[in-house]
Amino acid sequence: MDIELADAVAALKDIFTRRGIPTRFGRAAPAMIDELRRELRIPSRYRGFLQESDPVDVETVTPAERVRLFPAARLAAEQPGGQAGWQNDWVVIARSTVHSDLYFLDISKLDAEGDCPVFRVTTGAASYRPEACASSFEQFIRGLAKSMEAAA
């Protein structure tokens, strides 16, 4: 995991600790990460995250939102592929447990650092209308940490 992402993850872990919210991060097995790379084409920066800080049981908590990050073991099962309007280049990484919105990486917009933007879509709508959440996965994690900090 690169230094910028490691810093964002450390900030997220720190706010969970300071707020006394139990979480569990682990380390995804290299074979699982390889399988996800082949099956879902997850980008290198996200693979580094799973390798070092797989969100085994992680849900952010703010007054307006709760975001559950999916662990490597559940990523493939959480993909809504095959649904009308869902793009093959969208990889779901989290879900709102308040609104049921999906948060996904748009791997068609991969940058030179192996990262890509994160979008949100509302489930149950007649069509998907992605809303930008963060310009990169690293910024998404940093934004979750800041939201939890503001809610403390």
Protein backbone atom coordinates (compact mmCIF):
# COMPACT_ATOMS: atom_id res chain seq x y z
CA MET A 1 0.00 0.00 0.00
CA ASP A 2 1.45 3.39 -0.97
CA ILE A 3 2.11 6.12 1.60
CA GLU A 4 -0.89 8.33 0.70
CA LEU A 5 -3.38 5.48 0.99
CA ALA A 6 -1.67 4.16 4.13
CA ASP A 7 -2.03 7.63 5.68
CA ALA A 8 -5.75 7.79 4.79
CA VAL A 9 -6.36 4.29 6.21
CA ALA A 10 -4.46 5.20 9.39
CA ALA A 11 -6.68 8.28 9.81
CA LEU A 12 -9.80 6.12 9.40
CA LYS A 13 -8.57 3.53 11.91
CA ASP A 14 -7.65 6.31 14.34
CA ILE A 15 -11.13 7.87 14.34
CA PHE A 16 -12.71 4.46 14.93
CA THR A 17 -10.42 4.01 17.94
CA ARG A 18 -11.06 7.50 19.32
CA ARG A 19 -14.83 7.08 18.98
CA GLY A 20 -14.75 3.61 20.53
CA ILE A 21 -16.39 1.98 17.51
CA PRO A 22 -15.26 -1.62 17.08
CA THR A 23 -13.85 -2.56 13.68
CA ARG A 24 -11.79 -5.35 12.27
CA PHE A 25 -9.26 -4.99 9.51
CA GLY A 26 -7.31 -7.99 8.26
CA ARG A 27 -5.10 -9.05 5.39
CA ALA A 28 -6.63 -10.65 2.32
CA ALA A 29 -4.82 -13.73 1.06
CA PRO A 30 -2.69 -13.16 -2.06
CA ALA A 31 -4.59 -15.92 -3.91
CA MET A 32 -7.91 -14.16 -3.21
CA ILE A 33 -6.52 -10.82 -4.38
CA ASP A 34 -5.27 -12.48 -7.57
CA GLU A 35 -8.70 -13.99 -8.17
CA LEU A 36 -10.39 -10.60 -7.66
CA ARG A 37 -7.88 -8.98 -10.02
CA ARG A 38 -8.76 -11.51 -12.73
CA GLU A 39 -12.50 -11.63 -12.07
CA LEU A 40 -13.29 -7.99 -11.26
CA ARG A 41 -10.16 -6.27 -12.57
CA ILE A 42 -9.65 -4.43 -9.30
CA PRO A 43 -6.94 -1.77 -9.65
CA SER A 44 -3.51 -1.99 -8.03
CA ARG A 45 -4.12 0.64 -5.34
CA TYR A 46 -7.28 -1.15 -4.18
CA ARG A 47 -5.43 -4.48 -4.23
CA GLY A 48 -2.79 -2.95 -1.95
CA PHE A 49 -5.54 -1.83 0.41
CA LEU A 50 -7.03 -5.34 0.60
CA GLN A 51 -3.61 -6.87 1.09
CA GLU A 52 -2.76 -4.61 4.03
CA SER A 53 -6.12 -3.52 5.50
CA ASP A 54 -8.92 -5.80 4.28
CA PRO A 55 -12.11 -4.34 5.89
CA VAL A 56 -13.33 -7.57 7.50
CA ASP A 57 -15.89 -5.75 9.70
CA VAL A 58 -15.85 -2.00 9.02
CA GLU A 59 -18.82 0.37 9.02
CA THR A 60 -18.42 4.14 9.27
CA VAL A 61 -20.89 5.96 11.50
CA THR A 62 -22.12 9.55 11.12
CA PRO A 63 -25.51 11.07 11.96
CA ALA A 64 -26.55 11.06 8.28
CA GLU A 65 -24.87 7.94 6.89
CA ARG A 66 -23.35 4.56 7.58
CA VAL A 67 -21.05 3.04 5.00
CA ARG A 68 -20.09 -0.64 5.21
CA LEU A 69 -16.90 -1.47 3.34
CA PHE A 70 -16.90 -4.93 1.80
CA PRO A 71 -14.10 -7.35 2.66
CA ALA A 72 -12.26 -9.18 -0.10
CA ALA A 73 -14.17 -12.38 0.68
CA ARG A 74 -17.52 -10.70 -0.19
CA LEU A 75 -16.56 -8.46 -3.11
CA ALA A 76 -17.49 -10.86 -5.91
CA ALA A 77 -20.85 -11.72 -4.32
CA GLU A 78 -21.76 -8.02 -3.86
CA GLN A 79 -21.48 -7.17 -7.57
CA PRO A 80 -24.89 -6.51 -9.19
CA GLY A 81 -23.58 -7.43 -12.65
CA GLY A 82 -26.14 -8.39 -15.24
CA GLN A 83 -28.69 -5.84 -14.03
CA ALA A 84 -29.97 -3.44 -16.67
CA GLY A 85 -27.81 -0.34 -16.76
CA TRP A 86 -25.00 -1.71 -14.62
CA GLN A 87 -21.59 -1.20 -16.23
CA ASN A 88 -18.91 -3.92 -16.33
CA ASP A 89 -16.33 -1.29 -15.31
CA TRP A 90 -18.06 -0.58 -11.99
CA VAL A 91 -16.77 -2.52 -8.98
CA VAL A 92 -18.89 -2.22 -5.83
CA ILE A 93 -16.74 -1.74 -2.72
CA ALA A 94 -19.27 -0.56 -0.11
CA ARG A 95 -22.95 -0.06 0.67
CA SER A 96 -24.87 2.51 2.67
CA THR A 97 -26.64 0.67 5.46
CA VAL A 98 -29.00 3.64 5.86
CA HIS A 99 -29.99 4.33 2.25
CA SER A 100 -28.85 1.10 0.50
CA ASP A 101 -26.79 3.15 -1.97
CA LEU A 102 -23.86 1.36 -3.59
CA TYR A 103 -20.36 2.83 -3.66
CA PHE A 104 -18.21 1.68 -6.55
CA LEU A 105 -14.87 2.14 -8.28
CA ASP A 106 -15.12 3.15 -11.92
CA ILE A 107 -12.17 1.20 -13.28
CA SER A 108 -12.65 2.68 -16.77
CA LYS A 109 -11.16 5.90 -15.33
CA LEU A 110 -7.94 4.38 -13.98
CA ASP A 111 -5.12 6.86 -13.32
CA ALA A 112 -1.34 6.42 -13.57
CA GLU A 113 -1.13 5.44 -9.88
CA GLY A 114 -3.55 2.53 -10.29
CA ASP A 115 -6.42 4.35 -8.62
CA CYS A 116 -9.82 5.45 -9.89
CA PRO A 117 -12.78 7.57 -8.82
CA VAL A 118 -15.50 6.38 -6.45
CA PHE A 119 -19.16 6.95 -7.29
CA ARG A 120 -22.46 6.30 -5.53
CA VAL A 121 -25.71 5.06 -7.04
CA THR A 122 -29.13 4.60 -5.50
CA THR A 123 -30.43 1.05 -5.66
CA GLY A 124 -33.97 0.28 -6.71
CA ALA A 125 -34.14 3.13 -9.22
CA ALA A 126 -35.29 2.49 -12.79
CA SER A 127 -31.81 3.48 -13.99
CA TYR A 128 -28.44 4.13 -12.41
CA ARG A 129 -27.33 7.74 -12.13
CA PRO A 130 -23.85 7.75 -10.66
CA GLU A 131 -22.86 10.63 -8.37
CA ALA A 132 -19.16 11.33 -7.87
CA CYS A 133 -18.04 10.79 -4.27
CA ALA A 134 -14.27 11.07 -4.57
CA SER A 135 -11.67 11.49 -7.28
CA SER A 136 -9.83 8.38 -6.03
CA PHE A 137 -10.20 5.50 -3.60
CA GLU A 138 -7.61 7.17 -1.37
CA GLN A 139 -9.74 10.34 -1.27
CA PHE A 140 -12.84 8.24 -0.55
CA ILE A 141 -11.18 6.71 2.52
CA ARG A 142 -9.93 10.13 3.61
CA GLY A 143 -13.45 11.54 3.19
CA LEU A 144 -14.95 8.76 5.33
CA ALA A 145 -12.44 9.55 8.08
CA LYS A 146 -13.20 13.29 7.89
CA SER A 147 -16.95 12.68 8.03
CA MET A 148 -16.56 10.51 11.12
CA GLU A 149 -14.25 13.12 12.67
CA ALA A 150 -16.84 15.85 12.10
CA ALA A 151 -19.53 13.67 13.69
CA ALA A 152 -17.46 13.03 16.82
